Protein backbone atom coordinates (compact mmCIF):
# COMPACT_ATOMS: atom_id res chain seq x y z
CA UNK A 1 0.00 0.00 0.00
CA UNK A 2 1.27 3.45 -0.90
CA UNK A 3 2.40 5.79 1.89
CA UNK A 4 -0.17 8.50 1.03
CA UNK A 5 -2.90 5.88 0.93
CA UNK A 6 -2.02 4.69 4.44
CA UNK A 7 -1.90 8.27 5.69
CA UNK A 8 -5.31 8.92 4.15
CA UNK A 9 -6.81 6.02 6.11
CA UNK A 10 -5.08 7.08 9.33
CA UNK A 11 -6.30 10.66 8.96
CA UNK A 12 -9.86 9.59 8.23
CA UNK A 13 -9.93 7.30 11.27
CA UNK A 14 -8.62 10.08 13.52
CA UNK A 15 -11.03 12.60 12.00
CA UNK A 16 -14.07 10.34 12.50
CA UNK A 17 -13.10 9.46 16.08
CA UNK A 18 -12.47 13.11 16.94
CA UNK A 19 -15.73 14.12 15.27
CA UNK A 20 -17.69 11.57 17.32
CA UNK A 21 -15.97 12.72 20.51
CA UNK A 22 -16.66 16.40 19.87
CA UNK A 23 -20.24 15.80 18.71
CA UNK A 24 -20.91 13.89 21.91
CA UNK A 25 -19.16 16.39 24.19
CA UNK A 26 -20.79 19.37 22.51
CA UNK A 27 -24.19 17.68 22.47
CA UNK A 28 -23.96 17.05 26.20
CA UNK A 29 -23.12 20.72 26.82
CA UNK A 30 -26.11 21.78 24.73
CA UNK A 31 -28.66 19.29 26.11
CA UNK A 32 -27.68 18.77 29.76
CA UNK A 33 -29.03 21.10 32.46
CA UNK A 34 -26.56 23.94 32.81
CA UNK A 35 -26.38 24.21 36.63
CA UNK A 36 -24.39 21.00 37.29
CA UNK A 37 -21.88 21.92 34.59
CA UNK A 38 -21.47 25.44 35.99
CA UNK A 39 -20.83 24.00 39.47
CA UNK A 40 -18.29 21.50 38.16
CA UNK A 41 -16.29 23.88 35.94
CA UNK A 42 -16.86 27.31 37.42
CA UNK A 43 -17.58 28.67 33.93
CA UNK A 44 -20.71 30.63 33.09
CA UNK A 45 -23.70 28.87 31.55
CA UNK A 46 -23.72 30.86 28.29
CA UNK A 47 -19.99 30.24 27.83
CA UNK A 48 -20.47 26.49 28.30
CA UNK A 49 -23.25 26.54 25.70
CA UNK A 50 -20.94 28.48 23.35
CA UNK A 51 -18.24 25.82 23.82
CA UNK A 52 -20.85 23.16 23.06
CA UNK A 53 -21.77 24.89 19.80
CA UNK A 54 -18.08 25.18 18.88
CA UNK A 55 -17.52 21.49 19.59
CA UNK A 56 -20.53 20.40 17.52
CA UNK A 57 -19.61 22.63 14.59
CA UNK A 58 -15.97 21.55 14.82
CA UNK A 59 -17.00 17.89 14.86
CA UNK A 60 -19.03 18.35 11.71
CA UNK A 61 -16.21 20.41 10.18
CA UNK A 62 -13.76 17.56 10.64
CA UNK A 63 -15.68 15.18 8.38
CA UNK A 64 -18.41 16.83 6.29
CA UNK A 65 -16.22 18.91 3.95
CA UNK A 66 -14.19 15.83 3.03
CA UNK A 67 -17.21 13.60 2.62
CA UNK A 68 -19.11 16.13 0.52
CA UNK A 69 -15.96 17.45 -1.24
CA UNK A 70 -17.15 21.02 -0.67
CA UNK A 71 -15.11 23.77 1.03
CA UNK A 72 -12.49 21.25 2.08
CA UNK A 73 -10.33 24.03 3.50
CA UNK A 74 -12.78 24.07 6.42
CA UNK A 75 -11.42 20.77 7.77
CA UNK A 76 -8.01 22.09 8.88
CA UNK A 77 -9.70 25.27 10.12
CA UNK A 78 -12.15 23.22 12.19
CA UNK A 79 -9.24 21.22 13.60
CA UNK A 80 -7.44 24.43 14.52
CA UNK A 81 -10.53 25.77 16.26
CA UNK A 82 -10.84 22.55 18.22
CA UNK A 83 -7.20 22.86 19.28
CA UNK A 84 -8.17 26.19 20.84
CA UNK A 85 -11.08 24.54 22.65
CA UNK A 86 -8.77 21.81 23.91
CA UNK A 87 -6.21 24.31 25.21
CA UNK A 88 -8.99 25.69 27.36
CA UNK A 89 -10.09 22.18 28.34
CA UNK A 90 -6.58 21.23 29.46
CA UNK A 91 -6.33 24.40 31.54
CA UNK A 92 -9.73 24.03 33.22
CA UNK A 93 -9.33 20.27 33.78
CA UNK A 94 -5.87 20.70 35.31
CA UNK A 95 -7.17 23.42 37.65
CA UNK A 96 -10.31 21.58 38.76
CA UNK A 97 -9.33 17.90 38.68
CA UNK A 98 -5.54 17.81 38.48
CA UNK A 99 -2.96 17.01 35.85
CA UNK A 100 -3.89 13.35 35.41
CA UNK A 101 -7.36 13.85 33.92
CA UNK A 102 -6.05 16.72 31.78
CA UNK A 103 -3.89 14.26 29.81
CA UNK A 104 -6.94 13.05 27.83
CA UNK A 105 -7.71 16.62 26.78
CA UNK A 106 -4.06 17.17 25.88
CA UNK A 107 -3.95 14.07 23.68
CA UNK A 108 -7.22 15.06 22.01
CA UNK A 109 -5.82 18.52 21.29
CA UNK A 110 -2.61 17.07 19.87
CA UNK A 111 -4.59 14.77 17.58
CA UNK A 112 -6.67 17.72 16.38
CA UNK A 113 -3.45 19.67 15.74
CA UNK A 114 -2.08 16.74 13.74
CA UNK A 115 -5.24 16.56 11.62
CA UNK A 116 -5.12 20.30 11.03
CA UNK A 117 -1.49 20.26 9.96
CA UNK A 118 -1.81 17.12 7.85
CA UNK A 119 -4.94 18.32 6.07
CA UNK A 120 -3.42 21.74 5.44
CA UNK A 121 0.14 20.87 4.39
CA UNK A 122 0.73 17.14 3.98
CA UNK A 123 -2.41 15.64 2.40
CA UNK A 124 -5.09 18.26 1.72
CA UNK A 125 -8.56 17.07 0.85
CA UNK A 126 -9.54 17.46 -2.80
CA UNK A 127 -12.66 19.45 -3.49
CA UNK A 128 -15.30 18.56 -6.05
CA UNK A 129 -14.56 21.78 -7.95
CA UNK A 130 -11.00 20.66 -8.63
CA UNK A 131 -10.42 22.91 -11.63
CA UNK A 132 -11.87 26.25 -10.52
CA UNK A 133 -10.01 29.42 -9.54
CA UNK A 134 -10.65 28.84 -5.84
CA UNK A 135 -9.30 25.30 -6.07
CA UNK A 136 -6.13 26.38 -7.84
CA UNK A 137 -5.62 29.19 -5.32
CA UNK A 138 -6.09 26.69 -2.50
CA UNK A 139 -3.58 24.28 -4.08
CA UNK A 140 -1.03 27.07 -4.49
CA UNK A 141 -1.39 28.07 -0.83
CA UNK A 142 -1.20 24.53 0.51
CA UNK A 143 1.57 23.26 -1.74
CA UNK A 144 3.56 26.46 -2.04
CA UNK A 145 3.56 26.34 -5.84
């Protein structure tokens, strides 16, 4: 099997797993009563809901552009946004529960950073409009040519 082919499978597996994780975590923040989450984290209710929206949108952004082959540049941007969310998660988790539980958030953030970098520079997703001006501009930015 070709190296790029293996990397494609690895990236898709990571993207799907991260998407499921963020869809679940964001869905919980949007559907669960806000008071217990506020007590646990010390963050405000509206901010927790905002984080939930970011996680759900980021989860969709990790997989939908590649599956639909539309606006594929959104996948690395979604991954980057989720890295920001995970930086906050590591900080809050370390402060409230200690360094041990924060490791999961750190690993999740590192995986999101890997997906963002790989989908931006190493193996960008092809869009359906592969011959348009936007596609050629995207290729020139991502490949440096």
